[in-house]
C-alpha cells in the first residue's frame, strides 16, 4: 500500500507550490524514536521517503536536516506533551495540525502498521479517535488538492481502490 501512496505523494510534491524534505536515514528515525517511542511502520516509511510535506492545505511533520521548526516532529510532539492543554499523552505523536489549534496524532504502537488517527482537540479539550486511518487521512488530504488531480488529468473524484494493494 505504501508504494502507491508514495507514488501519489511524489506526484503531489512535484507541484511548485509544495515543499518536501529529503529522504531520512533509518538511523535518524531510530534516534527520534528513542524520545518519541516506536513510530507506526507506514509513518516511518513516509518520513524515510519524504522527510516532511508542506502544501498550501496540508502539513505533515517529519524529520531531517534543514527541517523548518513548524514541521519538526520531535519539537512539536515534545511541546505538546509538556505544555499543551490538554497535554498529548506519551503514547501519541502529533503528525499534523488543522491549521488552527488542534493536532492530528498517531498512537506510538509498533503492532499497528496502518494506525488510526486521533484528534487532539483544543476547542473541546480532548483527545479522541478520528474516523480514519493514517492512509485514509492522507488520501483525503491529497484529494482536496486540485493541483494534484490536474497532474493526473483526472476530475475531482478518485477511486481509492486504485491506491490500495494487498500486503
C-alpha atoms as a PDB file:
ATOM      1  CA  UNK A   1       0.000   0.000   0.000  1.00  0.00           C
ATOM      2  CA  UNK A   2       2.738   2.479   0.896  1.00  0.00           C
ATOM      3  CA  UNK A   3       4.197   2.180  -2.615  1.00  0.00           C
ATOM      4  CA  UNK A   4       1.061   3.541  -4.255  1.00  0.00           C
ATOM      5  CA  UNK A   5       0.559   6.184  -1.579  1.00  0.00           C
ATOM      6  CA  UNK A   6       4.180   7.243  -2.101  1.00  0.00           C
ATOM      7  CA  UNK A   7       3.613   7.413  -5.863  1.00  0.00           C
ATOM      8  CA  UNK A   8       0.621   9.688  -5.297  1.00  0.00           C
ATOM      9  CA  UNK A   9       2.576  11.827  -2.863  1.00  0.00           C
ATOM     10  CA  UNK A  10       5.544  12.015  -5.220  1.00  0.00           C
ATOM     11  CA  UNK A  11       3.271  13.436  -7.880  1.00  0.00           C
ATOM     12  CA  UNK A  12       1.830  15.853  -5.339  1.00  0.00           C
ATOM     13  CA  UNK A  13       5.217  17.209  -4.304  1.00  0.00           C
ATOM     14  CA  UNK A  14       6.282  17.713  -7.920  1.00  0.00           C
ATOM     15  CA  UNK A  15       3.995  20.746  -7.970  1.00  0.00           C
ATOM     16  CA  UNK A  16       5.853  24.042  -7.423  1.00  0.00           C
ATOM     17  CA  UNK A  17       3.614  25.088  -4.505  1.00  0.00           C
ATOM     18  CA  UNK A  18       4.610  22.057  -2.435  1.00  0.00           C
ATOM     19  CA  UNK A  19       7.595  21.623  -0.199  1.00  0.00           C
ATOM     20  CA  UNK A  20       9.041  18.347   0.967  1.00  0.00           C
ATOM     21  CA  UNK A  21      12.082  17.291   2.881  1.00  0.00           C
ATOM     22  CA  UNK A  22      14.819  14.947   1.821  1.00  0.00           C
ATOM     23  CA  UNK A  23      14.767  11.198   2.406  1.00  0.00           C
ATOM     24  CA  UNK A  24      15.637  10.448   6.029  1.00  0.00           C
ATOM     25  CA  UNK A  25      18.157   7.814   7.064  1.00  0.00           C
ATOM     26  CA  UNK A  26      16.897   4.973   9.250  1.00  0.00           C
ATOM     27  CA  UNK A  27      19.421   5.865  11.958  1.00  0.00           C
ATOM     28  CA  UNK A  28      17.875   9.339  12.355  1.00  0.00           C
ATOM     29  CA  UNK A  29      14.395   7.814  12.643  1.00  0.00           C
ATOM     30  CA  UNK A  30      15.626   5.355  15.297  1.00  0.00           C
ATOM     31  CA  UNK A  31      17.275   8.216  17.204  1.00  0.00           C
ATOM     32  CA  UNK A  32      13.983  10.176  17.234  1.00  0.00           C
ATOM     33  CA  UNK A  33      12.137   7.049  18.379  1.00  0.00           C
ATOM     34  CA  UNK A  34      14.314   6.909  21.498  1.00  0.00           C
ATOM     35  CA  UNK A  35      12.489  10.044  22.631  1.00  0.00           C
ATOM     36  CA  UNK A  36       9.105   9.614  20.949  1.00  0.00           C
ATOM     37  CA  UNK A  37       8.502   5.873  21.024  1.00  0.00           C
ATOM     38  CA  UNK A  38       8.282   3.482  18.075  1.00  0.00           C
ATOM     39  CA  UNK A  39       6.520   5.146  15.148  1.00  0.00           C
ATOM     40  CA  UNK A  40       3.958   3.172  13.128  1.00  0.00           C
ATOM     41  CA  UNK A  41       5.549   1.492  10.087  1.00  0.00           C
ATOM     42  CA  UNK A  42       3.670   3.452   7.431  1.00  0.00           C
ATOM     43  CA  UNK A  43       4.549   6.800   9.042  1.00  0.00           C
ATOM     44  CA  UNK A  44       8.190   5.700   9.370  1.00  0.00           C
ATOM     45  CA  UNK A  45       8.168   4.868   5.647  1.00  0.00           C
ATOM     46  CA  UNK A  46       6.627   8.248   4.843  1.00  0.00           C
ATOM     47  CA  UNK A  47       9.382  10.021   6.815  1.00  0.00           C
ATOM     48  CA  UNK A  48      12.092   7.840   5.235  1.00  0.00           C
ATOM     49  CA  UNK A  49      10.840   8.751   1.743  1.00  0.00           C
ATOM     50  CA  UNK A  50       9.724  12.375   2.121  1.00  0.00           C
ATOM     51  CA  UNK A  51      11.150  13.792   5.359  1.00  0.00           C
ATOM     52  CA  UNK A  52       8.139  16.082   5.737  1.00  0.00           C
ATOM     53  CA  UNK A  53       5.464  17.589   3.495  1.00  0.00           C
ATOM     54  CA  UNK A  54       4.011  21.080   3.261  1.00  0.00           C
ATOM     55  CA  UNK A  55       1.293  22.028   0.768  1.00  0.00           C
ATOM     56  CA  UNK A  56      -0.977  25.077   0.805  1.00  0.00           C
ATOM     57  CA  UNK A  57      -3.547  22.954   2.692  1.00  0.00           C
ATOM     58  CA  UNK A  58      -1.619  20.191   4.449  1.00  0.00           C
ATOM     59  CA  UNK A  59       1.373  19.942   6.774  1.00  0.00           C
ATOM     60  CA  UNK A  60       2.830  16.571   7.718  1.00  0.00           C
ATOM     61  CA  UNK A  61       5.532  16.791  10.354  1.00  0.00           C
ATOM     62  CA  UNK A  62       8.742  14.873   9.892  1.00  0.00           C
ATOM     63  CA  UNK A  63      12.461  14.657  10.490  1.00  0.00           C
ATOM     64  CA  UNK A  64      15.635  15.582   8.664  1.00  0.00           C
ATOM     65  CA  UNK A  65      18.271  18.203   8.081  1.00  0.00           C
ATOM     66  CA  UNK A  66      17.127  21.733   7.318  1.00  0.00           C
ATOM     67  CA  UNK A  67      13.689  20.948   8.695  1.00  0.00           C
ATOM     68  CA  UNK A  68      11.553  24.048   9.387  1.00  0.00           C
ATOM     69  CA  UNK A  69      10.677  24.230  13.108  1.00  0.00           C
ATOM     70  CA  UNK A  70       6.949  24.270  12.376  1.00  0.00           C
ATOM     71  CA  UNK A  71       7.330  20.829  10.753  1.00  0.00           C
ATOM     72  CA  UNK A  72       9.692  19.194  13.254  1.00  0.00           C
ATOM     73  CA  UNK A  73       8.009  16.060  14.615  1.00  0.00           C
ATOM     74  CA  UNK A  74      10.196  15.905  17.723  1.00  0.00           C
ATOM     75  CA  UNK A  75       9.903  19.594  18.643  1.00  0.00           C
ATOM     76  CA  UNK A  76       6.135  19.719  18.184  1.00  0.00           C
ATOM     77  CA  UNK A  77       5.427  16.424  19.937  1.00  0.00           C
ATOM     78  CA  UNK A  78       7.716  17.359  22.840  1.00  0.00           C
ATOM     79  CA  UNK A  79       5.987  20.745  23.202  1.00  0.00           C
ATOM     80  CA  UNK A  80       2.506  19.233  23.092  1.00  0.00           C
ATOM     81  CA  UNK A  81       3.441  16.548  25.628  1.00  0.00           C
ATOM     82  CA  UNK A  82       4.850  19.137  28.058  1.00  0.00           C
ATOM     83  CA  UNK A  83       2.783  22.279  27.730  1.00  0.00           C
ATOM     84  CA  UNK A  84      -0.276  21.794  25.556  1.00  0.00           C
ATOM     85  CA  UNK A  85      -3.785  21.894  27.015  1.00  0.00           C
ATOM     86  CA  UNK A  86      -4.859  19.212  27.031  1.00  0.00           C
ATOM     87  CA  UNK A  87      -1.428  17.614  27.048  1.00  0.00           C
ATOM     88  CA  UNK A  88      -0.606  14.999  24.466  1.00  0.00           C
ATOM     89  CA  UNK A  89      -0.180  11.624  26.224  1.00  0.00           C
ATOM     90  CA  UNK A  90       3.257   9.996  25.875  1.00  0.00           C
ATOM     91  CA  UNK A  91       1.847   7.142  23.810  1.00  0.00           C
ATOM     92  CA  UNK A  92       0.994   9.559  20.952  1.00  0.00           C
ATOM     93  CA  UNK A  93       2.885  11.730  18.455  1.00  0.00           C
ATOM     94  CA  UNK A  94       1.460  14.769  16.681  1.00  0.00           C
ATOM     95  CA  UNK A  95       1.935  14.343  12.905  1.00  0.00           C
ATOM     96  CA  UNK A  96      -0.111  17.288  11.546  1.00  0.00           C
ATOM     97  CA  UNK A  97      -2.414  20.076  12.633  1.00  0.00           C
ATOM     98  CA  UNK A  98      -5.635  21.529  11.374  1.00  0.00           C
ATOM     99  CA  UNK A  99      -4.003  24.955  10.758  1.00  0.00           C
ATOM    100  CA  UNK A 100      -5.770  26.224  13.835  1.00  0.00           C
ATOM    101  CA  UNK A 101      -5.078  24.893  17.300  1.00  0.00           C
ATOM    102  CA  UNK A 102      -5.770  21.155  17.147  1.00  0.00           C
ATOM    103  CA  UNK A 103      -3.434  18.312  16.151  1.00  0.00           C
ATOM    104  CA  UNK A 104      -3.810  15.050  14.264  1.00  0.00           C
ATOM    105  CA  UNK A 105      -1.991  12.319  16.177  1.00  0.00           C
ATOM    106  CA  UNK A 106      -0.901   8.711  15.893  1.00  0.00           C
ATOM    107  CA  UNK A 107      -0.555   6.214  18.685  1.00  0.00           C
ATOM    108  CA  UNK A 108       3.005   5.045  19.230  1.00  0.00           C
ATOM    109  CA  UNK A 109       2.363   1.344  18.720  1.00  0.00           C
ATOM    110  CA  UNK A 110       4.730  -0.954  16.824  1.00  0.00           C
ATOM    111  CA  UNK A 111       1.968  -3.501  16.267  1.00  0.00           C
ATOM    112  CA  UNK A 112      -0.192  -1.127  14.192  1.00  0.00           C
ATOM    113  CA  UNK A 113       1.142  -0.984  10.638  1.00  0.00           C
ATOM    114  CA  UNK A 114      -1.677   1.303   9.475  1.00  0.00           C
ATOM    115  CA  UNK A 115      -2.675   3.249  12.567  1.00  0.00           C
ATOM    116  CA  UNK A 116      -5.880   5.049  13.422  1.00  0.00           C
ATOM    117  CA  UNK A 117      -5.726   8.846  13.537  1.00  0.00           C
ATOM    118  CA  UNK A 118      -6.646  10.708  16.736  1.00  0.00           C
ATOM    119  CA  UNK A 119      -7.559  14.373  17.101  1.00  0.00           C
ATOM    120  CA  UNK A 120      -6.118  16.388  19.969  1.00  0.00           C
ATOM    121  CA  UNK A 121      -8.980  18.881  20.001  1.00  0.00           C
ATOM    122  CA  UNK A 122      -8.124  22.145  21.779  1.00  0.00           C
ATOM    123  CA  UNK A 123     -11.626  23.554  21.427  1.00  0.00           C
ATOM    124  CA  UNK A 124     -13.203  20.666  23.340  1.00  0.00           C
ATOM    125  CA  UNK A 125     -10.158  19.824  25.475  1.00  0.00           C
ATOM    126  CA  UNK A 126      -9.973  16.176  24.481  1.00  0.00           C
ATOM    127  CA  UNK A 127      -8.046  13.535  22.571  1.00  0.00           C
ATOM    128  CA  UNK A 128     -10.463  11.394  20.626  1.00  0.00           C
ATOM    129  CA  UNK A 129     -10.354   8.854  17.801  1.00  0.00           C
ATOM    130  CA  UNK A 130     -10.724  10.385  14.358  1.00  0.00           C
ATOM    131  CA  UNK A 131     -12.826   8.318  11.929  1.00  0.00           C
ATOM    132  CA  UNK A 132      -9.902   7.456   9.623  1.00  0.00           C
ATOM    133  CA  UNK A 133      -6.663   5.521   9.479  1.00  0.00           C
ATOM    134  CA  UNK A 134      -3.458   7.341   8.570  1.00  0.00           C
ATOM    135  CA  UNK A 135      -3.730   6.131   4.950  1.00  0.00           C
ATOM    136  CA  UNK A 136      -7.381   7.245   4.662  1.00  0.00           C
ATOM    137  CA  UNK A 137      -6.497  10.634   6.175  1.00  0.00           C
ATOM    138  CA  UNK A 138      -3.557  11.028   3.799  1.00  0.00           C
ATOM    139  CA  UNK A 139      -5.576  10.119   0.720  1.00  0.00           C
ATOM    140  CA  UNK A 140      -8.318  12.548   1.762  1.00  0.00           C
ATOM    141  CA  UNK A 141      -5.734  15.325   2.075  1.00  0.00           C
ATOM    142  CA  UNK A 142      -4.441  14.523  -1.410  1.00  0.00           C
ATOM    143  CA  UNK A 143      -7.998  14.569  -2.779  1.00  0.00           C
ATOM    144  CA  UNK A 144      -8.564  18.138  -1.586  1.00  0.00           C
ATOM    145  CA  UNK A 145      -5.579  19.435  -3.573  1.00  0.00           C
ATOM    146  CA  UNK A 146      -6.849  20.287  -7.092  1.00  0.00           C
ATOM    147  CA  UNK A 147      -3.286  20.773  -8.373  1.00  0.00           C
ATOM    148  CA  UNK A 148      -2.678  17.101  -7.635  1.00  0.00           C
ATOM    149  CA  UNK A 149      -5.553  15.934  -9.799  1.00  0.00           C
ATOM    150  CA  UNK A 150      -4.633  18.167 -12.715  1.00  0.00           C
ATOM    151  CA  UNK A 151      -1.280  16.362 -12.752  1.00  0.00           C
ATOM    152  CA  UNK A 152      -3.129  13.080 -13.319  1.00  0.00           C
ATOM    153  CA  UNK A 153      -5.604  14.606 -15.745  1.00  0.00           C
ATOM    154  CA  UNK A 154      -8.435  13.322 -13.530  1.00  0.00           C
ATOM    155  CA  UNK A 155     -11.527  15.023 -12.184  1.00  0.00           C
ATOM    156  CA  UNK A 156     -12.081  15.799  -8.529  1.00  0.00           C
ATOM    157  CA  UNK A 157     -13.205  12.314  -7.520  1.00  0.00           C
ATOM    158  CA  UNK A 158     -10.816   9.440  -7.051  1.00  0.00           C
ATOM    159  CA  UNK A 159     -11.172   5.708  -6.831  1.00  0.00           C
ATOM    160  CA  UNK A 160      -9.368   4.951  -3.546  1.00  0.00           C
ATOM    161  CA  UNK A 161      -9.054   1.333  -4.585  1.00  0.00           C
ATOM    162  CA  UNK A 162      -6.547   2.472  -7.201  1.00  0.00           C
ATOM    163  CA  UNK A 163      -4.168   3.213  -4.329  1.00  0.00           C
ATOM    164  CA  UNK A 164      -4.767   0.072  -2.320  1.00  0.00           C
ATOM    165  CA  UNK A 165      -2.951  -3.162  -2.778  1.00  0.00           C
ATOM    166  CA  UNK A 166      -2.907  -6.168  -0.547  1.00  0.00           C
ATOM    167  CA  UNK A 167       0.180  -6.660   1.603  1.00  0.00           C
END
